[in-house]
Amino acid sequence: MKRRLSERERRFCRVYALLRNPKEAAIRAGWPPERAEAEALALLDRKEAQEAIRAYPVGEALEDAATAGYLRLAFGSQGDAVKLAFLGEEELPEDLEKLDLFGVAEIRRVKGGGFEVKLVNRLEALDRLAALAQRKSQEEGDRFYEALSRAAMEETNEGD
């Protein structure tokens, strides 16, 4: 008997279709890191999940993921990265996987203890977002122009 996928399970399928990493997809879908891999593998065994993953358009997903990633880099919180920078080596949190370090470009140990954390350039992320938006706008304009041209050609052919 088929069981419908929950919202979290559908989110997992969408992310998995893009990343092909079960544990990462499960974490992003909302499962705790310590259970993520087991939940992901169980879900991947279900026919409903397999069908949902196959149905998700990967090209569109890549563009959506890139946009979401740049938005997160440009506007996301850097609180966990700052927290990490002020910790000593012996103070590393046990739940390190739960820290949001998406905007971190580099982490280095510093002599004397502690870490140096280099963050991504937010202005560069904004530039990339603007370029994506411009390209999308151009593609939509091109499609409109092509449709208009086809309609004009059909009108001309009907008049002959």
Protein backbone atom coordinates (compact mmCIF):
# COMPACT_ATOMS: atom_id res chain seq x y z
CA MET A 1 0.00 0.00 0.00
CA LYS A 2 1.37 3.38 -1.03
CA ARG A 3 1.83 5.95 1.69
CA ARG A 4 1.86 9.62 0.74
CA LEU A 5 5.08 11.51 1.35
CA SER A 6 5.04 14.10 4.12
CA GLU A 7 6.22 17.65 3.47
CA ARG A 8 9.61 16.86 5.02
CA GLU A 9 9.92 13.71 2.90
CA ARG A 10 9.08 15.68 -0.27
CA ARG A 11 11.69 18.28 0.73
CA PHE A 12 14.22 15.45 1.14
CA CYS A 13 13.41 14.14 -2.36
CA ARG A 14 13.83 17.60 -3.87
CA VAL A 15 17.21 18.15 -2.19
CA TYR A 16 18.39 14.59 -2.85
CA ALA A 17 17.55 14.94 -6.58
CA LEU A 18 20.01 17.81 -6.66
CA LEU A 19 22.77 16.75 -4.24
CA ARG A 20 22.66 12.94 -4.44
CA ASN A 21 23.92 12.92 -0.85
CA PRO A 22 21.42 11.11 1.42
CA LYS A 23 22.68 12.38 4.77
CA GLU A 24 23.01 16.00 3.64
CA ALA A 25 19.58 15.94 2.01
CA ALA A 26 18.02 14.53 5.20
CA ILE A 27 19.66 17.19 7.36
CA ARG A 28 18.48 19.94 5.02
CA ALA A 29 15.00 18.42 5.05
CA GLY A 30 14.88 18.72 8.83
CA TRP A 31 16.09 15.47 10.40
CA PRO A 32 18.64 15.74 13.22
CA PRO A 33 22.20 14.88 12.07
CA GLU A 34 22.43 11.83 14.33
CA ARG A 35 19.38 10.24 12.64
CA ALA A 36 19.74 11.73 9.16
CA GLU A 37 21.56 8.90 7.42
CA ALA A 38 19.26 6.15 8.73
CA GLU A 39 16.13 8.15 7.86
CA ALA A 40 17.49 8.92 4.39
CA LEU A 41 18.32 5.31 3.58
CA ALA A 42 14.90 4.12 4.78
CA LEU A 43 13.19 6.77 2.68
CA LEU A 44 15.24 5.91 -0.41
CA ASP A 45 13.88 2.35 -0.19
CA ARG A 46 10.31 3.60 -0.61
CA LYS A 47 8.81 3.55 -4.10
CA GLU A 48 7.02 6.87 -3.53
CA ALA A 49 10.31 8.60 -2.77
CA GLN A 50 12.05 7.03 -5.76
CA GLU A 51 9.26 8.26 -8.06
CA ALA A 52 9.37 11.75 -6.55
CA ILE A 53 13.14 11.94 -7.01
CA ARG A 54 12.91 10.84 -10.66
CA ALA A 55 10.15 13.38 -11.33
CA TYR A 56 12.11 16.37 -10.06
CA PRO A 57 13.67 18.38 -12.93
CA VAL A 58 17.38 18.57 -12.09
CA GLY A 59 18.25 21.51 -14.39
CA GLU A 60 15.64 23.69 -12.76
CA ALA A 61 16.70 22.39 -9.36
CA LEU A 62 20.31 23.43 -9.96
CA GLU A 63 19.26 26.97 -10.81
CA ASP A 64 16.98 27.13 -7.77
CA ALA A 65 19.74 25.74 -5.54
CA ALA A 66 22.28 28.23 -6.87
CA THR A 67 19.91 31.11 -6.23
CA ALA A 68 19.09 29.82 -2.74
CA GLY A 69 22.78 29.36 -1.98
CA TYR A 70 23.71 32.86 -3.08
CA LEU A 71 20.78 34.30 -1.09
CA ARG A 72 21.99 32.43 1.97
CA LEU A 73 25.57 33.64 1.47
CA ALA A 74 24.46 37.24 0.94
CA PHE A 75 21.91 37.51 3.74
CA GLY A 76 22.45 34.51 6.05
CA SER A 77 23.58 34.68 9.66
CA GLN A 78 27.27 34.40 10.47
CA GLY A 79 26.64 33.93 14.21
CA ASP A 80 27.88 30.33 14.40
CA ALA A 81 31.09 31.24 12.54
CA VAL A 82 31.78 34.09 14.95
CA LYS A 83 31.07 31.78 17.89
CA LEU A 84 33.56 29.24 16.49
CA ALA A 85 36.24 31.90 16.02
CA PHE A 86 36.18 32.74 19.74
CA LEU A 87 36.42 29.14 20.97
CA GLY A 88 39.63 27.45 21.99
CA GLU A 89 40.54 23.99 20.66
CA GLU A 90 39.42 22.29 23.86
CA GLU A 91 36.11 24.17 23.72
CA LEU A 92 34.90 22.74 20.40
CA PRO A 93 31.21 21.92 20.70
CA GLU A 94 30.25 18.25 20.51
CA ASP A 95 27.40 19.12 18.18
CA LEU A 96 29.73 20.73 15.63
CA GLU A 97 27.60 19.39 12.76
CA LYS A 98 24.70 21.52 13.95
CA LEU A 99 26.62 24.77 13.46
CA ASP A 100 25.66 26.74 10.36
CA LEU A 101 29.02 27.30 8.68
CA PHE A 102 27.63 27.77 5.16
CA GLY A 103 29.18 31.22 4.81
CA VAL A 104 32.65 30.13 5.93
CA ALA A 105 35.34 30.19 3.24
CA GLU A 106 38.26 29.03 5.39
CA ILE A 107 39.08 27.91 8.94
CA ARG A 108 42.65 27.85 10.28
CA ARG A 109 44.16 27.12 13.65
CA VAL A 110 46.05 30.06 15.09
CA LYS A 111 49.26 29.77 17.10
CA GLY A 112 48.42 30.13 20.75
CA GLY A 113 45.04 28.42 20.33
CA GLY A 114 41.77 29.30 18.74
CA PHE A 115 40.73 29.57 15.13
CA GLU A 116 40.80 32.14 12.38
CA VAL A 117 37.58 32.08 10.39
CA LYS A 118 37.42 33.67 6.94
CA LEU A 119 33.90 34.41 5.68
CA VAL A 120 32.71 34.52 2.08
CA ASN A 121 32.44 37.88 0.36
CA ARG A 122 28.79 38.95 0.60
CA LEU A 123 29.16 41.55 -2.16
CA GLU A 124 30.37 38.85 -4.55
CA ALA A 125 27.32 36.75 -3.66
CA LEU A 126 25.08 39.75 -4.38
CA ASP A 127 26.83 40.27 -7.73
CA ARG A 128 26.21 36.63 -8.63
CA LEU A 129 22.55 36.96 -7.63
CA ALA A 130 22.20 40.02 -9.84
CA ALA A 131 23.81 38.16 -12.75
CA LEU A 132 21.45 35.19 -12.30
CA ALA A 133 18.44 37.51 -12.20
CA GLN A 134 19.63 39.37 -15.30
CA ARG A 135 20.19 36.12 -17.21
CA LYS A 136 16.75 34.84 -16.23
CA SER A 137 15.15 38.12 -17.31
CA GLN A 138 17.01 37.97 -20.64
CA GLU A 139 15.89 34.37 -21.23
CA GLU A 140 12.27 35.31 -20.53
CA GLY A 141 12.57 38.26 -22.92
CA ASP A 142 14.06 36.00 -25.60
CA ARG A 143 11.21 33.49 -25.21
CA PHE A 144 8.63 36.29 -25.49
CA TYR A 145 10.31 37.66 -28.64
CA GLU A 146 10.44 34.17 -30.21
CA ALA A 147 6.75 33.61 -29.48
CA LEU A 148 5.91 37.02 -30.95
CA SER A 149 7.96 36.25 -34.08
CA ARG A 150 6.27 32.87 -34.53
CA ALA A 151 2.84 34.47 -34.17
CA ALA A 152 3.74 37.10 -36.77
CA MET A 153 5.04 34.42 -39.18
CA GLU A 154 1.85 32.38 -38.74
CA GLU A 155 -0.23 35.49 -39.37
CA THR A 156 1.76 36.21 -42.53
CA ASN A 157 1.43 32.61 -43.76
CA GLU A 158 -2.34 32.62 -43.18
CA GLY A 159 -2.68 35.82 -45.20
CA ASP A 160 -1.09 34.25 -48.30
